[in-house]
Amino acid sequence: MHFIRRIVKHVSCFLAFAIFLVSVPFNKADAALVKTETVLTMAQGQKSREAVLGFLDRKDVQAAMKAQGINAAEVKARVDSLSDAEVARIVGQIDNSLPAGGDALGTVVGAALFIFVVLLITDILGFTDVFTFVKSQRR
């Protein structure tokens, strides 16, 4: 009889602990659909933040900040603490203040490459005789 009481005592302690764990309220996870606008807003906010950080990484901007005694690491930390709306407003101001067109070197190289390819194709087809390294079968 003494043996059964010891077993019952241990089993009842275990059951009391199990009931306590079951009765403790757990935080449940709420699953819901995410709206497309929410995802796009988050992606746009991240893209805007990267654009501002890319602008701050430019050599001329860093030189201007250094000339005014501004620490670049502190500026980047402040950009990270801005809200998405504030970063989007800054990107709009940067886009409006910068000159359009950018670097003309890429345009010149692209045009030269396009002309080279067109002349090469016409030379291979036998319409022109511009390049000496193209062996045409004309006779």
Protein backbone atom coordinates (compact mmCIF):
# COMPACT_ATOMS: atom_id res chain seq x y z
CA MET A 1 0.00 0.00 0.00
CA HIS A 2 2.85 2.37 0.79
CA PHE A 3 4.32 1.72 -2.65
CA ILE A 4 1.06 2.70 -4.42
CA ARG A 5 0.84 5.96 -2.46
CA ARG A 6 4.35 6.98 -3.55
CA ILE A 7 3.51 6.28 -7.20
CA VAL A 8 0.19 8.11 -6.96
CA LYS A 9 1.94 11.07 -5.32
CA HIS A 10 4.46 11.36 -8.19
CA VAL A 11 1.80 10.84 -10.87
CA SER A 12 -0.50 13.43 -9.30
CA CYS A 13 2.37 15.98 -9.14
CA PHE A 14 3.12 15.34 -12.78
CA LEU A 15 -0.56 15.68 -13.75
CA ALA A 16 -0.92 18.90 -11.74
CA PHE A 17 2.11 20.37 -13.52
CA ALA A 18 0.76 19.27 -16.92
CA ILE A 19 -2.64 20.84 -16.22
CA PHE A 20 -0.90 24.04 -15.16
CA LEU A 21 1.04 24.15 -18.43
CA VAL A 22 -2.12 23.59 -20.44
CA SER A 23 -4.00 26.30 -18.59
CA VAL A 24 -1.28 28.97 -19.05
CA PRO A 25 -2.31 31.22 -21.94
CA PHE A 26 0.10 31.17 -24.81
CA ASN A 27 0.43 33.91 -27.39
CA LYS A 28 -1.08 32.65 -30.54
CA ALA A 29 0.23 33.50 -33.97
CA ASP A 30 -2.23 35.35 -36.13
CA ALA A 31 -1.88 34.49 -39.76
CA ALA A 32 -3.35 36.79 -42.33
CA LEU A 33 -2.89 37.64 -45.95
CA VAL A 34 -0.45 40.41 -46.70
CA LYS A 35 -1.74 43.06 -49.04
CA THR A 36 0.16 43.77 -52.22
CA GLU A 37 0.35 47.47 -51.34
CA THR A 38 2.09 46.61 -48.09
CA VAL A 39 4.72 44.53 -49.83
CA LEU A 40 5.27 47.17 -52.51
CA THR A 41 5.56 49.93 -49.91
CA MET A 42 8.14 47.95 -47.98
CA ALA A 43 10.12 47.19 -51.14
CA GLN A 44 9.96 50.82 -52.26
CA GLY A 45 11.11 51.98 -48.82
CA GLN A 46 14.10 49.65 -48.94
CA LYS A 47 14.93 50.76 -52.49
CA SER A 48 14.72 54.43 -51.47
CA ARG A 49 16.94 53.81 -48.45
CA GLU A 50 19.54 52.09 -50.66
CA ALA A 51 19.40 55.03 -53.09
CA VAL A 52 20.12 57.53 -50.30
CA LEU A 53 22.95 55.39 -48.93
CA GLY A 54 24.36 55.03 -52.46
CA PHE A 55 24.23 58.80 -52.85
CA LEU A 56 26.11 59.19 -49.57
CA ASP A 57 28.80 56.74 -50.75
CA ARG A 58 29.78 58.98 -53.67
CA LYS A 59 33.24 60.56 -53.39
CA ASP A 60 32.07 64.12 -54.04
CA VAL A 61 29.34 63.88 -51.41
CA GLN A 62 31.75 62.43 -48.86
CA ALA A 63 34.24 65.21 -49.64
CA ALA A 64 31.53 67.85 -49.13
CA MET A 65 30.48 66.26 -45.82
CA LYS A 66 34.10 66.09 -44.67
CA ALA A 67 34.63 69.75 -45.61
CA GLN A 68 31.66 70.68 -43.40
CA GLY A 69 32.88 68.46 -40.54
CA ILE A 70 30.11 65.86 -40.81
CA ASN A 71 30.86 62.24 -39.95
CA ALA A 72 29.71 59.86 -42.72
CA ALA A 73 29.01 56.99 -40.29
CA GLU A 74 26.72 59.23 -38.24
CA VAL A 75 24.83 60.32 -41.36
CA LYS A 76 24.29 56.69 -42.39
CA ALA A 77 23.04 55.84 -38.90
CA ARG A 78 20.57 58.71 -39.10
CA VAL A 79 19.36 57.57 -42.52
CA ASP A 80 18.73 54.10 -41.08
CA SER A 81 16.60 55.65 -38.32
CA LEU A 82 14.37 57.61 -40.75
CA SER A 83 10.91 56.38 -41.66
CA ASP A 84 10.12 55.19 -45.18
CA ALA A 85 8.12 58.35 -45.95
CA GLU A 86 11.00 60.59 -44.92
CA VAL A 87 13.48 58.61 -47.02
CA ALA A 88 11.13 58.77 -50.03
CA ARG A 89 10.90 62.56 -49.63
CA ILE A 90 14.71 62.82 -49.54
CA VAL A 91 15.02 60.67 -52.67
CA GLY A 92 12.52 62.96 -54.43
CA GLN A 93 14.58 66.00 -53.47
CA ILE A 94 17.80 64.34 -54.66
CA ASP A 95 16.23 63.37 -57.99
CA ASN A 96 14.92 66.90 -58.55
CA SER A 97 18.21 68.60 -57.73
CA LEU A 98 20.58 66.42 -59.77
CA PRO A 99 21.21 67.20 -63.42
CA ALA A 100 19.61 64.89 -65.97
CA GLY A 101 21.65 62.82 -68.38
CA GLY A 102 24.37 61.57 -66.09
CA ASP A 103 27.56 60.27 -67.64
CA ALA A 104 27.87 60.60 -71.43
CA LEU A 105 30.68 58.05 -71.65
CA GLY A 106 28.24 55.13 -71.47
CA THR A 107 26.18 56.60 -74.30
CA VAL A 108 29.24 57.10 -76.51
CA VAL A 109 30.55 53.58 -75.85
CA GLY A 110 27.09 52.10 -76.49
CA ALA A 111 26.71 53.97 -79.79
CA ALA A 112 30.21 52.95 -80.94
CA LEU A 113 29.51 49.32 -80.06
CA PHE A 114 26.19 49.40 -81.93
CA ILE A 115 27.83 50.89 -85.07
CA PHE A 116 30.63 48.29 -84.89
CA VAL A 117 28.14 45.41 -84.70
CA VAL A 118 26.05 46.79 -87.59
CA LEU A 119 29.13 47.23 -89.79
CA LEU A 120 30.42 43.79 -88.83
CA ILE A 121 27.12 42.13 -89.77
CA THR A 122 26.92 43.99 -93.08
CA ASP A 123 30.55 43.06 -93.79
CA ILE A 124 29.87 39.38 -93.04
CA LEU A 125 26.83 39.44 -95.32
CA GLY A 126 28.95 40.99 -98.07
CA PHE A 127 27.19 44.35 -98.35
CA THR A 128 30.27 46.32 -97.22
CA ASP A 129 34.03 45.84 -97.14
CA VAL A 130 35.04 47.77 -94.01
CA PHE A 131 36.97 45.28 -91.90
CA THR A 132 39.98 43.39 -93.22
CA PHE A 133 39.66 40.59 -90.69
CA VAL A 134 36.34 39.49 -92.21
CA LYS A 135 37.07 37.02 -94.96
CA SER A 136 34.46 37.37 -97.66
CA GLN A 137 34.10 34.87 -100.49
CA ARG A 138 33.73 37.57 -103.16
CA ARG A 139 35.44 37.01 -106.49
